[in-house]
Amino acid sequence: MNTVITTLNHLAAKNFIIRLYKYYIIDSILITKREGFKALLRKRGWKVLAFIIGYYAVRDTLLYVIVPLLIAKSIF
């Protein structure tokens, strides 16, 4: 576990994505597990809810609209 933390600290100095993962995403997961989703919304604000809705909107659009259209175009 110590080596993982050391590696994340080293990478966080260089990479924005690792820094975002380390300080924002992991912290948000811990808040949700310890205090619940309502506490996460109080601490992080509406941006978390907007991110969740946006993520599922993009995923479902790709999965249920674009992929079937591409499959139908190549079959017929």
PDB file of N, CA and C in Angstrom:
ATOM      1  N   MET A   1       0.829  -1.197   0.000  1.00  0.00           N
ATOM      2  CA  MET A   1       0.000   0.000   0.000  1.00  0.00           C
ATOM      3  C   MET A   1       0.869   1.254   0.000  1.00  0.00           C
ATOM      4  N   ASN A   2       1.955   1.208   0.715  1.00  0.00           N
ATOM      5  CA  ASN A   2       2.862   2.352   0.779  1.00  0.00           C
ATOM      6  C   ASN A   2       3.465   2.669  -0.579  1.00  0.00           C
ATOM      7  N   THR A   3       3.783   1.628  -1.344  1.00  0.00           N
ATOM      8  CA  THR A   3       4.382   1.865  -2.652  1.00  0.00           C
ATOM      9  C   THR A   3       3.365   2.478  -3.616  1.00  0.00           C
ATOM     10  N   VAL A   4       2.090   2.105  -3.463  1.00  0.00           N
ATOM     11  CA  VAL A   4       1.053   2.677  -4.316  1.00  0.00           C
ATOM     12  C   VAL A   4       0.909   4.167  -4.042  1.00  0.00           C
ATOM     13  N   ILE A   5       0.902   4.536  -2.774  1.00  0.00           N
ATOM     14  CA  ILE A   5       0.791   5.947  -2.402  1.00  0.00           C
ATOM     15  C   ILE A   5       2.004   6.729  -2.885  1.00  0.00           C
ATOM     16  N   THR A   6       3.182   6.147  -2.738  1.00  0.00           N
ATOM     17  CA  THR A   6       4.402   6.794  -3.199  1.00  0.00           C
ATOM     18  C   THR A   6       4.371   6.987  -4.719  1.00  0.00           C
ATOM     19  N   THR A   7       3.919   5.976  -5.432  1.00  0.00           N
ATOM     20  CA  THR A   7       3.837   6.069  -6.883  1.00  0.00           C
ATOM     21  C   THR A   7       2.825   7.129  -7.314  1.00  0.00           C
ATOM     22  N   LEU A   8       1.654   7.167  -6.643  1.00  0.00           N
ATOM     23  CA  LEU A   8       0.657   8.189  -6.969  1.00  0.00           C
ATOM     24  C   LEU A   8       1.175   9.587  -6.687  1.00  0.00           C
ATOM     25  N   ASN A   9       1.892   9.758  -5.593  1.00  0.00           N
ATOM     26  CA  ASN A   9       2.465  11.069  -5.283  1.00  0.00           C
ATOM     27  C   ASN A   9       3.467  11.496  -6.341  1.00  0.00           C
ATOM     28  N   HIS A  10       4.278  10.559  -6.798  1.00  0.00           N
ATOM     29  CA  HIS A  10       5.277  10.870  -7.823  1.00  0.00           C
ATOM     30  C   HIS A  10       4.606  11.229  -9.146  1.00  0.00           C
ATOM     31  N   LEU A  11       3.574  10.461  -9.524  1.00  0.00           N
ATOM     32  CA  LEU A  11       2.885  10.717 -10.785  1.00  0.00           C
ATOM     33  C   LEU A  11       2.019  11.972 -10.722  1.00  0.00           C
ATOM     34  N   ALA A  12       1.484  12.284  -9.549  1.00  0.00           N
ATOM     35  CA  ALA A  12       0.609  13.448  -9.404  1.00  0.00           C
ATOM     36  C   ALA A  12       1.355  14.746  -9.668  1.00  0.00           C
ATOM     37  N   ALA A  13       2.633  14.752  -9.384  1.00  0.00           N
ATOM     38  CA  ALA A  13       3.419  15.952  -9.641  1.00  0.00           C
ATOM     39  C   ALA A  13       3.541  16.215 -11.139  1.00  0.00           C
ATOM     40  N   LYS A  14       3.427  15.167 -11.957  1.00  0.00           N
ATOM     41  CA  LYS A  14       3.635  15.303 -13.386  1.00  0.00           C
ATOM     42  C   LYS A  14       2.339  15.304 -14.204  1.00  0.00           C
ATOM     43  N   ASN A  15       1.335  14.584 -13.750  1.00  0.00           N
ATOM     44  CA  ASN A  15       0.171  14.345 -14.584  1.00  0.00           C
ATOM     45  C   ASN A  15      -1.085  14.909 -13.937  1.00  0.00           C
ATOM     46  N   PHE A  16      -1.839  15.695 -14.693  1.00  0.00           N
ATOM     47  CA  PHE A  16      -3.070  16.303 -14.202  1.00  0.00           C
ATOM     48  C   PHE A  16      -4.149  15.263 -13.926  1.00  0.00           C
ATOM     49  N   ILE A  17      -4.246  14.241 -14.769  1.00  0.00           N
ATOM     50  CA  ILE A  17      -5.277  13.217 -14.611  1.00  0.00           C
ATOM     51  C   ILE A  17      -5.052  12.438 -13.317  1.00  0.00           C
ATOM     52  N   ILE A  18      -3.821  12.104 -13.008  1.00  0.00           N
ATOM     53  CA  ILE A  18      -3.519  11.386 -11.767  1.00  0.00           C
ATOM     54  C   ILE A  18      -3.844  12.273 -10.574  1.00  0.00           C
ATOM     55  N   ARG A  19      -3.534  13.553 -10.663  1.00  0.00           N
ATOM     56  CA  ARG A  19      -3.833  14.483  -9.578  1.00  0.00           C
ATOM     57  C   ARG A  19      -5.345  14.591  -9.371  1.00  0.00           C
ATOM     58  N   LEU A  20      -6.076  14.681 -10.474  1.00  0.00           N
ATOM     59  CA  LEU A  20      -7.533  14.728 -10.398  1.00  0.00           C
ATOM     60  C   LEU A  20      -8.067  13.453  -9.761  1.00  0.00           C
ATOM     61  N   TYR A  21      -7.550  12.307 -10.167  1.00  0.00           N
ATOM     62  CA  TYR A  21      -7.996  11.031  -9.626  1.00  0.00           C
ATOM     63  C   TYR A  21      -7.698  10.942  -8.133  1.00  0.00           C
ATOM     64  N   LYS A  22      -6.508  11.342  -7.779  1.00  0.00           N
ATOM     65  CA  LYS A  22      -6.077  11.193  -6.392  1.00  0.00           C
ATOM     66  C   LYS A  22      -6.854  12.111  -5.457  1.00  0.00           C
ATOM     67  N   TYR A  23      -7.005  13.344  -5.805  1.00  0.00           N
ATOM     68  CA  TYR A  23      -7.568  14.306  -4.871  1.00  0.00           C
ATOM     69  C   TYR A  23      -9.071  14.508  -5.008  1.00  0.00           C
ATOM     70  N   TYR A  24      -9.650  14.262  -6.144  1.00  0.00           N
ATOM     71  CA  TYR A  24     -11.063  14.561  -6.331  1.00  0.00           C
ATOM     72  C   TYR A  24     -11.915  13.297  -6.368  1.00  0.00           C
ATOM     73  N   ILE A  25     -11.517  12.339  -7.183  1.00  0.00           N
ATOM     74  CA  ILE A  25     -12.340  11.145  -7.359  1.00  0.00           C
ATOM     75  C   ILE A  25     -12.269  10.242  -6.138  1.00  0.00           C
ATOM     76  N   ILE A  26     -11.079   9.949  -5.657  1.00  0.00           N
ATOM     77  CA  ILE A  26     -10.957   9.094  -4.478  1.00  0.00           C
ATOM     78  C   ILE A  26     -11.594   9.756  -3.267  1.00  0.00           C
ATOM     79  N   ASP A  27     -11.405  11.049  -3.124  1.00  0.00           N
ATOM     80  CA  ASP A  27     -12.020  11.774  -2.013  1.00  0.00           C
ATOM     81  C   ASP A  27     -13.540  11.735  -2.108  1.00  0.00           C
ATOM     82  N   SER A  28     -14.081  11.867  -3.303  1.00  0.00           N
ATOM     83  CA  SER A  28     -15.533  11.809  -3.478  1.00  0.00           C
ATOM     84  C   SER A  28     -16.078  10.423  -3.145  1.00  0.00           C
ATOM     85  N   ILE A  29     -15.348   9.380  -3.514  1.00  0.00           N
ATOM     86  CA  ILE A  29     -15.764   8.016  -3.180  1.00  0.00           C
ATOM     87  C   ILE A  29     -15.770   7.817  -1.677  1.00  0.00           C
ATOM     88  N   LEU A  30     -14.749   8.322  -1.004  1.00  0.00           N
ATOM     89  CA  LEU A  30     -14.690   8.187   0.455  1.00  0.00           C
ATOM     90  C   LEU A  30     -15.819   8.952   1.137  1.00  0.00           C
ATOM     91  N   ILE A  31     -16.135  10.140   0.652  1.00  0.00           N
ATOM     92  CA  ILE A  31     -17.254  10.908   1.215  1.00  0.00           C
ATOM     93  C   ILE A  31     -18.556  10.133   1.040  1.00  0.00           C
ATOM     94  N   THR A  32     -18.760   9.546  -0.139  1.00  0.00           N
ATOM     95  CA  THR A  32     -19.981   8.793  -0.397  1.00  0.00           C
ATOM     96  C   THR A  32     -20.084   7.580   0.511  1.00  0.00           C
ATOM     97  N   LYS A  33     -18.983   6.871   0.701  1.00  0.00           N
ATOM     98  CA  LYS A  33     -19.011   5.678   1.543  1.00  0.00           C
ATOM     99  C   LYS A  33     -19.217   6.022   3.010  1.00  0.00           C
ATOM    100  N   ARG A  34     -18.582   7.071   3.476  1.00  0.00           N
ATOM    101  CA  ARG A  34     -18.655   7.407   4.900  1.00  0.00           C
ATOM    102  C   ARG A  34     -19.937   8.129   5.276  1.00  0.00           C
ATOM    103  N   GLU A  35     -20.339   9.096   4.450  1.00  0.00           N
ATOM    104  CA  GLU A  35     -21.425   9.987   4.849  1.00  0.00           C
ATOM    105  C   GLU A  35     -22.659   9.898   3.967  1.00  0.00           C
ATOM    106  N   GLY A  36     -22.557   9.290   2.797  1.00  0.00           N
ATOM    107  CA  GLY A  36     -23.701   9.146   1.910  1.00  0.00           C
ATOM    108  C   GLY A  36     -23.674  10.115   0.741  1.00  0.00           C
ATOM    109  N   PHE A  37     -24.613   9.888  -0.179  1.00  0.00           N
ATOM    110  CA  PHE A  37     -24.653  10.669  -1.414  1.00  0.00           C
ATOM    111  C   PHE A  37     -25.090  12.107  -1.163  1.00  0.00           C
ATOM    112  N   LYS A  38     -25.985  12.314  -0.198  1.00  0.00           N
ATOM    113  CA  LYS A  38     -26.441  13.684   0.101  1.00  0.00           C
ATOM    114  C   LYS A  38     -25.285  14.547   0.603  1.00  0.00           C
ATOM    115  N   ALA A  39     -24.410  13.957   1.412  1.00  0.00           N
ATOM    116  CA  ALA A  39     -23.245  14.697   1.902  1.00  0.00           C
ATOM    117  C   ALA A  39     -22.304  15.047   0.749  1.00  0.00           C
ATOM    118  N   LEU A  40     -22.183  14.134  -0.213  1.00  0.00           N
ATOM    119  CA  LEU A  40     -21.348  14.408  -1.387  1.00  0.00           C
ATOM    120  C   LEU A  40     -21.904  15.590  -2.173  1.00  0.00           C
ATOM    121  N   LEU A  41     -23.222  15.619  -2.353  1.00  0.00           N
ATOM    122  CA  LEU A  41     -23.829  16.747  -3.070  1.00  0.00           C
ATOM    123  C   LEU A  41     -23.669  18.052  -2.301  1.00  0.00           C
ATOM    124  N   ARG A  42     -23.730  18.001  -0.981  1.00  0.00           N
ATOM    125  CA  ARG A  42     -23.533  19.217  -0.190  1.00  0.00           C
ATOM    126  C   ARG A  42     -22.103  19.726  -0.287  1.00  0.00           C
ATOM    127  N   LYS A  43     -21.143  18.798  -0.286  1.00  0.00           N
ATOM    128  CA  LYS A  43     -19.730  19.214  -0.308  1.00  0.00           C
ATOM    129  C   LYS A  43     -19.240  19.573  -1.704  1.00  0.00           C
ATOM    130  N   ARG A  44     -19.653  18.804  -2.705  1.00  0.00           N
ATOM    131  CA  ARG A  44     -19.153  19.027  -4.067  1.00  0.00           C
ATOM    132  C   ARG A  44     -20.074  19.901  -4.901  1.00  0.00           C
ATOM    133  N   GLY A  45     -21.344  19.944  -4.564  1.00  0.00           N
ATOM    134  CA  GLY A  45     -22.271  20.805  -5.291  1.00  0.00           C
ATOM    135  C   GLY A  45     -22.925  20.116  -6.469  1.00  0.00           C
ATOM    136  N   TRP A  46     -23.543  20.930  -7.300  1.00  0.00           N
ATOM    137  CA  TRP A  46     -24.311  20.431  -8.430  1.00  0.00           C
ATOM    138  C   TRP A  46     -23.439  19.835  -9.522  1.00  0.00           C
ATOM    139  N   LYS A  47     -22.143  20.106  -9.490  1.00  0.00           N
ATOM    140  CA  LYS A  47     -21.250  19.605 -10.541  1.00  0.00           C
ATOM    141  C   LYS A  47     -21.193  18.085 -10.553  1.00  0.00           C
ATOM    142  N   VAL A  48     -21.271  17.465  -9.376  1.00  0.00           N
ATOM    143  CA  VAL A  48     -21.249  16.002  -9.310  1.00  0.00           C
ATOM    144  C   VAL A  48     -22.486  15.432  -9.983  1.00  0.00           C
ATOM    145  N   LEU A  49     -23.636  15.996  -9.680  1.00  0.00           N
ATOM    146  CA  LEU A  49     -24.874  15.532 -10.289  1.00  0.00           C
ATOM    147  C   LEU A  49     -24.854  15.755 -11.802  1.00  0.00           C
ATOM    148  N   ALA A  50     -24.342  16.881 -12.247  1.00  0.00           N
ATOM    149  CA  ALA A  50     -24.241  17.159 -13.684  1.00  0.00           C
ATOM    150  C   ALA A  50     -23.289  16.178 -14.365  1.00  0.00           C
ATOM    151  N   PHE A  51     -22.199  15.830 -13.700  1.00  0.00           N
ATOM    152  CA  PHE A  51     -21.251  14.866 -14.259  1.00  0.00           C
ATOM    153  C   PHE A  51     -21.884  13.487 -14.394  1.00  0.00           C
ATOM    154  N   ILE A  52     -22.623  13.065 -13.375  1.00  0.00           N
ATOM    155  CA  ILE A  52     -23.255  11.745 -13.412  1.00  0.00           C
ATOM    156  C   ILE A  52     -24.297  11.689 -14.530  1.00  0.00           C
ATOM    157  N   ILE A  53     -25.125  12.714 -14.639  1.00  0.00           N
ATOM    158  CA  ILE A  53     -26.148  12.748 -15.692  1.00  0.00           C
ATOM    159  C   ILE A  53     -25.490  12.805 -17.076  1.00  0.00           C
ATOM    160  N   GLY A  54     -24.451  13.617 -17.219  1.00  0.00           N
ATOM    161  CA  GLY A  54     -23.740  13.695 -18.495  1.00  0.00           C
ATOM    162  C   GLY A  54     -23.082  12.387 -18.883  1.00  0.00           C
ATOM    163  N   TYR A  55     -22.474  11.722 -17.911  1.00  0.00           N
ATOM    164  CA  TYR A  55     -21.820  10.440 -18.180  1.00  0.00           C
ATOM    165  C   TYR A  55     -22.821   9.418 -18.709  1.00  0.00           C
ATOM    166  N   TYR A  56     -23.947   9.283 -18.019  1.00  0.00           N
ATOM    167  CA  TYR A  56     -24.937   8.300 -18.449  1.00  0.00           C
ATOM    168  C   TYR A  56     -25.612   8.706 -19.757  1.00  0.00           C
ATOM    169  N   ALA A  57     -25.782   9.980 -20.009  1.00  0.00           N
ATOM    170  CA  ALA A  57     -26.371  10.417 -21.276  1.00  0.00           C
ATOM    171  C   ALA A  57     -25.464  10.052 -22.450  1.00  0.00           C
ATOM    172  N   VAL A  58     -24.178  10.305 -22.318  1.00  0.00           N
ATOM    173  CA  VAL A  58     -23.222   9.963 -23.385  1.00  0.00           C
ATOM    174  C   VAL A  58     -23.124   8.454 -23.557  1.00  0.00           C
ATOM    175  N   ARG A  59     -23.019   7.729 -22.452  1.00  0.00           N
ATOM    176  CA  ARG A  59     -22.891   6.273 -22.523  1.00  0.00           C
ATOM    177  C   ARG A  59     -24.115   5.645 -23.175  1.00  0.00           C
ATOM    178  N   ASP A  60     -25.306   6.049 -22.740  1.00  0.00           N
ATOM    179  CA  ASP A  60     -26.523   5.454 -23.289  1.00  0.00           C
ATOM    180  C   ASP A  60     -26.740   5.840 -24.747  1.00  0.00           C
ATOM    181  N   THR A  61     -26.367   7.056 -25.117  1.00  0.00           N
ATOM    182  CA  THR A  61     -26.489   7.461 -26.518  1.00  0.00           C
ATOM    183  C   THR A  61     -25.591   6.604 -27.399  1.00  0.00           C
ATOM    184  N   LEU A  62     -24.369   6.392 -26.970  1.00  0.00           N
ATOM    185  CA  LEU A  62     -23.465   5.541 -27.739  1.00  0.00           C
ATOM    186  C   LEU A  62     -23.972   4.110 -27.793  1.00  0.00           C
ATOM    187  N   LEU A  63     -24.393   3.597 -26.663  1.00  0.00           N
ATOM    188  CA  LEU A  63     -24.766   2.188 -26.563  1.00  0.00           C
ATOM    189  C   LEU A  63     -26.076   1.875 -27.261  1.00  0.00           C
ATOM    190  N   TYR A  64     -27.069   2.740 -27.133  1.00  0.00           N
ATOM    191  CA  TYR A  64     -28.407   2.409 -27.626  1.00  0.00           C
ATOM    192  C   TYR A  64     -28.810   3.128 -28.913  1.00  0.00           C
ATOM    193  N   VAL A  65     -28.028   4.108 -29.361  1.00  0.00           N
ATOM    194  CA  VAL A  65     -28.398   4.815 -30.587  1.00  0.00           C
ATOM    195  C   VAL A  65     -27.323   4.653 -31.664  1.00  0.00           C
ATOM    196  N   ILE A  66     -26.118   5.051 -31.376  1.00  0.00           N
ATOM    197  CA  ILE A  66     -25.066   5.094 -32.399  1.00  0.00           C
ATOM    198  C   ILE A  66     -24.593   3.701 -32.801  1.00  0.00           C
ATOM    199  N   VAL A  67     -24.335   2.831 -31.832  1.00  0.00           N
ATOM    200  CA  VAL A  67     -23.864   1.481 -32.157  1.00  0.00           C
ATOM    201  C   VAL A  67     -24.911   0.710 -32.967  1.00  0.00           C
ATOM    202  N   PRO A  68     -26.190   0.699 -32.578  1.00  0.00           N
ATOM    203  CA  PRO A  68     -27.173   0.006 -33.428  1.00  0.00           C
ATOM    204  C   PRO A  68     -27.297   0.612 -34.834  1.00  0.00           C
ATOM    205  N   LEU A  69     -27.182   1.943 -34.942  1.00  0.00           N
ATOM    206  CA  LEU A  69     -27.218   2.546 -36.277  1.00  0.00           C
ATOM    207  C   LEU A  69     -26.043   2.087 -37.131  1.00  0.00           C
ATOM    208  N   LEU A  70     -24.867   2.034 -36.542  1.00  0.00           N
ATOM    209  CA  LEU A  70     -23.694   1.579 -37.291  1.00  0.00           C
ATOM    210  C   LEU A  70     -23.821   0.106 -37.679  1.00  0.00           C
ATOM    211  N   ILE A  71     -24.375  -0.696 -36.783  1.00  0.00           N
ATOM    212  CA  ILE A  71     -24.579  -2.110 -37.094  1.00  0.00           C
ATOM    213  C   ILE A  71     -25.612  -2.271 -38.202  1.00  0.00           C
ATOM    214  N   ALA A  72     -26.695  -1.492 -38.131  1.00  0.00           N
ATOM    215  CA  ALA A  72     -27.742  -1.590 -39.154  1.00  0.00           C
ATOM    216  C   ALA A  72     -27.242  -1.130 -40.516  1.00  0.00           C
ATOM    217  N   LYS A  73     -26.399  -0.126 -40.547  1.00  0.00           N
ATOM    218  CA  LYS A  73     -25.856   0.358 -41.830  1.00  0.00           C
ATOM    219  C   LYS A  73     -24.934  -0.688 -42.467  1.00  0.00           C
ATOM    220  N   SER A  74     -24.171  -1.380 -41.656  1.00  0.00           N
ATOM    221  CA  SER A  74     -23.240  -2.344 -42.221  1.00  0.00           C
ATOM    222  C   SER A  74     -23.938  -3.656 -42.599  1.00  0.00           C
ATOM    223  N   ILE A  75     -25.070  -3.971 -41.976  1.00  0.00           N
ATOM    224  CA  ILE A  75     -25.771  -5.214 -42.292  1.00  0.00           C
ATOM    225  C   ILE A  75     -26.628  -5.048 -43.543  1.00  0.00           C
ATOM    226  N   PHE A  76     -27.356  -3.948 -43.655  1.00  0.00           N
ATOM    227  CA  PHE A  76     -28.301  -3.776 -44.767  1.00  0.00           C
ATOM    228  C   PHE A  76     -27.661  -3.021 -45.872  1.00  0.00           C
TER     229      PHE A  76
END
